[in-house]
Protein backbone atom coordinates (compact mmCIF):
# COMPACT_ATOMS: atom_id res chain seq x y z
CA MET A 1 108.39 146.53 -92.01
CA GLN A 2 111.33 144.23 -91.38
CA LYS A 3 113.54 146.34 -93.66
CA HIS A 4 112.48 149.46 -91.75
CA ARG A 5 113.62 147.90 -88.45
CA VAL A 6 116.97 146.99 -90.03
CA TYR A 7 117.48 150.52 -91.34
CA VAL A 8 116.59 152.00 -87.94
CA LYS A 9 119.11 149.76 -86.19
CA LEU A 10 121.78 150.56 -88.77
CA ALA A 11 121.16 154.25 -88.13
CA GLY A 12 121.54 153.58 -84.41
CA ILE A 13 124.83 151.74 -84.98
CA LEU A 14 126.16 154.57 -87.15
CA SER A 15 125.18 157.06 -84.45
CA LEU A 16 127.14 155.09 -81.83
CA ILE A 17 130.13 154.87 -84.18
CA MET A 18 130.01 158.67 -84.40
CA THR A 19 130.09 158.77 -80.60
CA ASN A 20 133.26 156.69 -80.67
CA VAL A 21 134.86 158.96 -83.26
CA LEU A 22 134.32 161.99 -81.02
CA TRP A 23 135.49 160.09 -77.93
CA GLY A 24 138.56 158.94 -79.85
CA THR A 25 139.58 162.54 -80.50
CA SER A 26 139.29 163.38 -76.79
CA PHE A 27 142.24 161.22 -75.66
CA VAL A 28 145.01 163.73 -76.37
CA PHE A 29 143.09 166.66 -74.88
CA ILE A 30 142.27 164.75 -71.69
CA LYS A 31 145.95 163.91 -71.18
CA LEU A 32 146.99 167.51 -71.83
CA SER A 33 144.34 168.81 -69.42
CA MET A 34 145.30 166.40 -66.66
CA ASN A 35 148.88 167.66 -66.85
CA GLU A 36 147.63 171.02 -65.56
CA ILE A 37 144.57 170.42 -63.34
CA ASN A 38 143.25 167.90 -60.80
CA PRO A 39 140.43 165.38 -61.47
CA PHE A 40 137.81 167.39 -59.53
CA THR A 41 138.50 170.57 -61.50
CA TYR A 42 138.62 168.60 -64.74
CA THR A 43 135.20 167.03 -64.09
CA PHE A 44 133.62 170.27 -62.87
CA MET A 45 134.97 172.45 -65.70
CA ARG A 46 134.19 169.98 -68.46
CA THR A 47 130.58 169.57 -67.33
CA LEU A 48 130.27 173.32 -66.67
CA VAL A 49 131.28 174.08 -70.26
CA ALA A 50 128.72 171.56 -71.56
CA THR A 51 125.98 172.91 -69.26
CA LEU A 52 126.59 176.53 -70.26
CA ALA A 53 126.69 175.65 -73.95
CA ILE A 54 123.31 173.91 -73.88
CA SER A 55 121.62 176.20 -71.32
CA PRO A 56 120.29 178.83 -73.80
CA ILE A 57 118.01 176.20 -75.39
CA THR A 58 116.98 174.92 -71.95
CA ILE A 59 116.16 178.45 -70.74
CA PHE A 60 114.16 179.11 -73.92
CA LYS A 61 112.09 175.98 -73.33
CA LEU A 62 111.59 177.01 -69.69
CA MET A 63 110.36 180.45 -70.72
CA ARG A 64 107.95 178.85 -73.18
CA ARG A 65 106.79 176.48 -70.42
CA ARG A 66 107.81 173.49 -72.49
CA LEU A 67 110.51 172.17 -70.18
CA HIS A 68 110.05 168.45 -69.50
CA ILE A 69 110.97 168.06 -65.84
CA THR A 70 110.88 164.25 -65.88
CA SER A 71 113.49 164.15 -68.67
CA LEU A 72 115.65 166.61 -66.73
CA THR A 73 115.45 164.38 -63.63
CA ARG A 74 116.34 161.29 -65.63
CA GLY A 75 119.29 163.15 -67.12
CA LEU A 76 120.53 164.06 -63.64
CA LEU A 77 120.45 160.37 -62.70
CA VAL A 78 122.56 159.50 -65.75
CA GLY A 79 124.76 162.51 -65.07
CA PHE A 80 125.81 161.31 -61.63
CA ALA A 81 127.10 158.10 -63.21
CA TYR A 82 128.71 160.06 -66.07
CA SER A 83 130.53 162.62 -63.90
CA THR A 84 131.61 159.98 -61.37
CA GLY A 85 133.11 157.95 -64.22
CA LEU A 86 134.93 161.01 -65.56
CA CYS A 87 136.44 161.84 -62.17
CA LEU A 88 137.50 158.32 -61.19
CA GLN A 89 138.98 157.62 -64.62
CA ALA A 90 140.94 160.89 -64.61
CA ALA A 91 142.18 160.28 -61.06
CA GLY A 92 143.30 156.74 -61.85
CA THR A 93 145.01 157.67 -65.11
CA ALA A 94 147.27 160.01 -63.14
CA TYR A 95 148.90 156.89 -61.60
CA ILE A 96 148.95 154.46 -64.53
CA ASP A 97 149.79 154.56 -68.21
CA PRO A 98 147.01 155.37 -70.72
CA SER A 99 147.01 151.90 -72.30
CA THR A 100 146.31 150.22 -68.97
CA SER A 101 143.60 152.78 -68.25
CA ALA A 102 142.01 152.11 -71.65
CA PHE A 103 142.04 148.36 -71.04
CA ILE A 104 140.46 148.61 -67.58
CA THR A 105 137.86 151.11 -68.81
CA GLY A 106 136.85 148.66 -71.54
CA LEU A 107 135.99 146.10 -68.86
CA SER A 108 132.76 148.05 -68.24
CA THR A 109 131.46 146.07 -71.22
CA ILE A 110 131.50 142.94 -69.06
CA HIS A 111 129.34 144.64 -66.40
CA VAL A 112 126.77 145.64 -69.02
CA HIS A 113 126.67 142.13 -70.53
CA LEU A 114 126.29 140.56 -67.09
CA TYR A 115 123.43 142.91 -66.19
CA SER A 116 121.75 142.32 -69.56
CA ALA A 117 121.96 138.54 -69.12
CA ILE A 118 120.41 138.73 -65.63
CA ALA A 119 117.75 141.28 -66.59
CA ASN A 120 116.66 139.44 -69.74
CA ARG A 121 117.36 135.92 -68.47
CA LYS A 122 118.87 135.26 -71.85
CA TYR A 123 122.45 135.26 -73.12
CA THR A 124 123.50 133.44 -76.28
CA LYS A 125 126.80 131.79 -77.07
CA PHE A 126 127.27 134.33 -79.88
CA ASP A 127 126.96 137.19 -77.36
CA LEU A 128 129.63 135.50 -75.23
CA LEU A 129 131.84 134.89 -78.26
CA SER A 130 131.70 138.52 -79.37
CA LEU A 131 132.46 139.67 -75.80
CA LEU A 132 135.48 137.36 -75.43
CA ILE A 133 136.91 138.38 -78.82
CA ALA A 134 136.44 142.06 -77.92
CA ILE A 135 138.21 141.75 -74.55
CA LEU A 136 141.05 139.78 -76.15
CA GLY A 137 141.37 142.42 -78.85
CA LEU A 138 141.36 145.19 -76.24
CA PHE A 139 144.12 143.42 -74.30
CA VAL A 140 146.29 142.95 -77.41
CA LEU A 141 145.67 146.52 -78.58
CA THR A 142 146.49 148.25 -75.29
CA SER A 143 149.11 145.78 -73.96
CA PRO A 144 148.49 146.78 -70.33
CA ALA A 145 151.43 146.32 -67.98
CA GLY A 146 152.13 146.53 -64.28
CA GLY A 147 150.54 145.16 -61.13
CA LEU A 148 147.41 146.15 -59.25
CA GLY A 149 147.74 149.58 -57.67
CA VAL A 150 145.76 152.64 -56.62
CA GLY A 151 145.39 153.87 -60.19
CA ASP A 152 144.10 150.52 -61.41
CA LEU A 153 141.53 150.36 -58.61
CA LEU A 154 140.32 153.91 -59.30
CA VAL A 155 139.85 153.25 -63.03
CA PHE A 156 138.19 149.90 -62.29
CA SER A 157 135.78 151.70 -59.96
CA ALA A 158 134.97 154.01 -62.86
CA THR A 159 133.89 151.03 -64.98
CA PHE A 160 130.83 150.53 -62.76
CA ALA A 161 129.86 154.16 -63.35
CA TRP A 162 130.33 153.84 -67.13
CA ALA A 163 128.28 150.62 -67.16
CA ALA A 164 125.53 152.31 -65.13
CA GLN A 165 125.50 155.19 -67.63
CA VAL A 166 125.04 152.84 -70.60
CA ILE A 167 122.27 150.91 -68.83
CA LEU A 168 120.45 154.04 -67.67
CA ILE A 169 120.59 155.63 -71.13
CA SER A 170 119.09 152.45 -72.60
CA LYS A 171 116.31 152.73 -70.04
CA HIS A 172 115.61 156.48 -70.21
CA GLY A 173 117.13 157.50 -73.56
CA LYS A 174 113.77 158.24 -75.19
CA SER A 175 113.30 161.25 -72.92
CA SER A 176 113.19 164.76 -74.33
CA MET A 177 116.74 165.23 -75.66
CA ILE A 178 117.58 168.80 -74.52
CA GLU A 179 116.37 168.33 -70.95
CA PHE A 180 118.01 164.91 -70.74
CA LEU A 181 121.39 166.28 -71.88
CA THR A 182 121.08 169.31 -69.58
CA GLY A 183 120.52 167.06 -66.58
CA THR A 184 123.38 164.78 -67.61
CA PHE A 185 125.92 167.59 -67.61
CA ALA A 186 124.45 169.64 -64.74
CA ALA A 187 125.07 166.72 -62.37
CA GLY A 188 128.81 167.35 -62.73
CA LEU A 189 128.38 170.79 -61.15
CA PHE A 190 128.12 169.04 -57.78
CA PHE A 191 131.89 168.64 -58.05
CA ALA A 192 132.25 172.43 -57.66
CA PRO A 193 132.99 172.37 -53.89
CA LEU A 194 135.69 169.71 -54.31
CA SER A 195 137.15 171.65 -57.23
CA LEU A 196 137.21 174.93 -55.26
CA PHE A 197 138.73 173.19 -52.23
CA SER A 198 141.51 171.61 -54.30
CA GLY A 199 142.11 174.83 -56.22
CA ILE A 200 141.16 176.05 -59.70
CA ASN A 201 144.11 177.31 -61.70
CA ILE A 202 143.49 177.06 -65.45
CA ASN A 203 145.70 178.53 -68.15
CA THR A 204 144.51 179.51 -71.62
CA SER A 205 145.61 176.28 -73.30
CA THR A 206 143.83 174.09 -70.77
CA LEU A 207 140.69 176.19 -71.11
CA LEU A 208 140.72 175.60 -74.86
CA TYR A 209 141.09 171.85 -74.29
CA LEU A 210 138.15 171.90 -71.88
CA LEU A 211 136.02 173.89 -74.32
CA TYR A 212 136.62 171.21 -76.95
CA LEU A 213 135.98 168.38 -74.50
CA GLY A 214 132.83 169.98 -73.10
CA ILE A 215 131.21 170.99 -76.38
CA VAL A 216 132.37 168.37 -78.86
CA CYS A 217 133.17 165.33 -76.72
CA SER A 218 130.46 165.80 -74.09
CA ILE A 219 127.49 167.39 -75.85
CA GLY A 220 128.23 165.99 -79.32
CA ALA A 221 129.24 162.49 -78.29
CA THR A 222 126.47 162.11 -75.68
CA PHE A 223 123.85 163.33 -78.17
CA PHE A 224 124.83 160.58 -80.62
CA GLN A 225 125.06 158.06 -77.77
CA VAL A 226 121.53 158.77 -76.54
CA LEU A 227 120.20 158.79 -80.09
CA GLY A 228 121.90 155.50 -80.98
CA GLN A 229 120.92 153.70 -77.79
CA ARG A 230 117.26 154.40 -78.50
CA TYR A 231 117.45 151.67 -81.13
CA ILE A 232 120.38 149.47 -80.05
CA SER A 233 120.52 147.14 -77.03
CA ALA A 234 122.81 148.06 -74.14
CA SER A 235 124.98 144.95 -74.60
CA THR A 236 125.63 145.74 -78.27
CA ALA A 237 126.22 149.42 -77.49
CA ALA A 238 128.81 148.46 -74.83
CA LEU A 239 130.72 146.45 -77.43
CA LEU A 240 130.53 149.25 -79.97
CA PHE A 241 132.04 151.60 -77.40
CA LEU A 242 135.22 149.51 -77.53
CA LEU A 243 135.86 151.31 -80.80
CA GLU A 244 137.05 154.22 -78.64
CA PRO A 245 140.53 152.80 -77.85
CA VAL A 246 140.88 151.72 -81.48
CA LEU A 247 140.08 155.21 -82.74
CA ALA A 248 142.14 156.85 -79.98
CA THR A 249 145.14 154.76 -81.10
CA PHE A 250 144.44 155.66 -84.73
CA PHE A 251 144.32 159.40 -84.00
CA SER A 252 147.46 159.15 -81.86
CA ILE A 253 149.31 157.47 -84.73
CA ILE A 254 148.05 160.08 -87.20
CA MET A 255 149.23 162.88 -84.89
CA GLY A 256 152.63 161.21 -84.44
CA LEU A 257 152.14 160.44 -80.74
CA GLU A 258 152.35 156.66 -81.22
CA GLU A 259 153.92 154.30 -83.70
CA LEU A 260 152.08 151.66 -85.67
CA SER A 261 152.87 148.14 -84.49
CA ILE A 262 151.69 144.61 -85.25
CA HIS A 263 149.97 144.13 -81.87
CA LYS A 264 147.90 147.28 -82.43
CA VAL A 265 146.81 146.02 -85.85
CA ILE A 266 145.90 142.57 -84.47
CA GLY A 267 144.13 144.00 -81.41
CA GLY A 268 142.18 146.49 -83.46
CA GLY A 269 141.28 143.78 -85.96
CA LEU A 270 139.91 141.52 -83.21
CA ILE A 271 137.77 144.33 -81.83
CA LEU A 272 136.40 145.06 -85.31
CA LEU A 273 135.62 141.34 -85.75
CA SER A 274 133.76 141.38 -82.44
CA LEU A 275 131.79 144.45 -83.51
CA TYR A 276 130.87 142.75 -86.78
CA LEU A 277 129.52 139.73 -84.87
CA ALA A 278 127.64 141.99 -82.45
CA THR A 279 126.12 143.95 -85.34
CA VAL A 280 124.93 140.79 -87.07
CA ILE A 281 123.38 139.56 -83.81
CA GLU A 282 121.71 142.93 -83.23
CA LEU A 283 120.21 143.09 -86.72
CA ARG A 284 118.72 139.62 -86.27
CA LYS A 285 116.85 140.57 -83.14
CA ASP A 286 113.12 141.04 -83.49
CA LYS A 287 112.96 144.12 -81.26
CA SER A 288 113.77 147.49 -82.82
CA THR A 289 114.23 149.24 -79.49
CA SER A 290 116.58 148.73 -76.58
CA GLU A 291 116.35 145.69 -74.40
CA PHE A 292 115.14 147.50 -71.31
């Protein structure tokens, strides 16, 4: 029985790693999209693509009277946090460099750990150690520069939305998957009025980027995120999500957009060390489900 719990958690960790891989590939396409459209249109179009792609299955379940309304409602709740995070992060990144945005976004991990400590009334020194190593690694990897400005504040505001998304998925992630995902992406459609007001002007290249982001990086990544968080605590999941800037840097180097440097190797290494510690802590926990 103990081995079964370990295998289940390992599967959850692998699922969250897959989420990070897909998120890591999104970095270039987000930057390319934001060169052509505004944050409202970006959020609306990305979630619209995801909603349309998954809607045939949702409609089929509705016609068969098998649609789980409660799961759809829970997905909408998560979706408001998800789409708000997308919009604020995109808006802030327009004013600051990507490395600073990546560093600030990673601070959402602190919010999740703080909430977990308060909710569970328990926080070990090993949890704190893994968090501190991860934040240090993120700082070294991204080498953020510059003072506090509008962009920094917008991206920092997004961290509360990302933290809320992680916490809510840990709480409601065992809902019916299709309805939960449909609700998550459909919430972004509420950005339609803001998008129409600010103007929608999308060329073919940007549309292709949004198709990739909506189908692969929204549906695919969120599917693995929900699946993984069914078995992994929110605090561990938040640390695992710091793999995203590591993988984004890796893909950028592979594509020739960045050069390999010693600070990136050290920063990435520290984050991997933190994830190793978090994984060991997670596997030693008695519970095989999330902490909420």
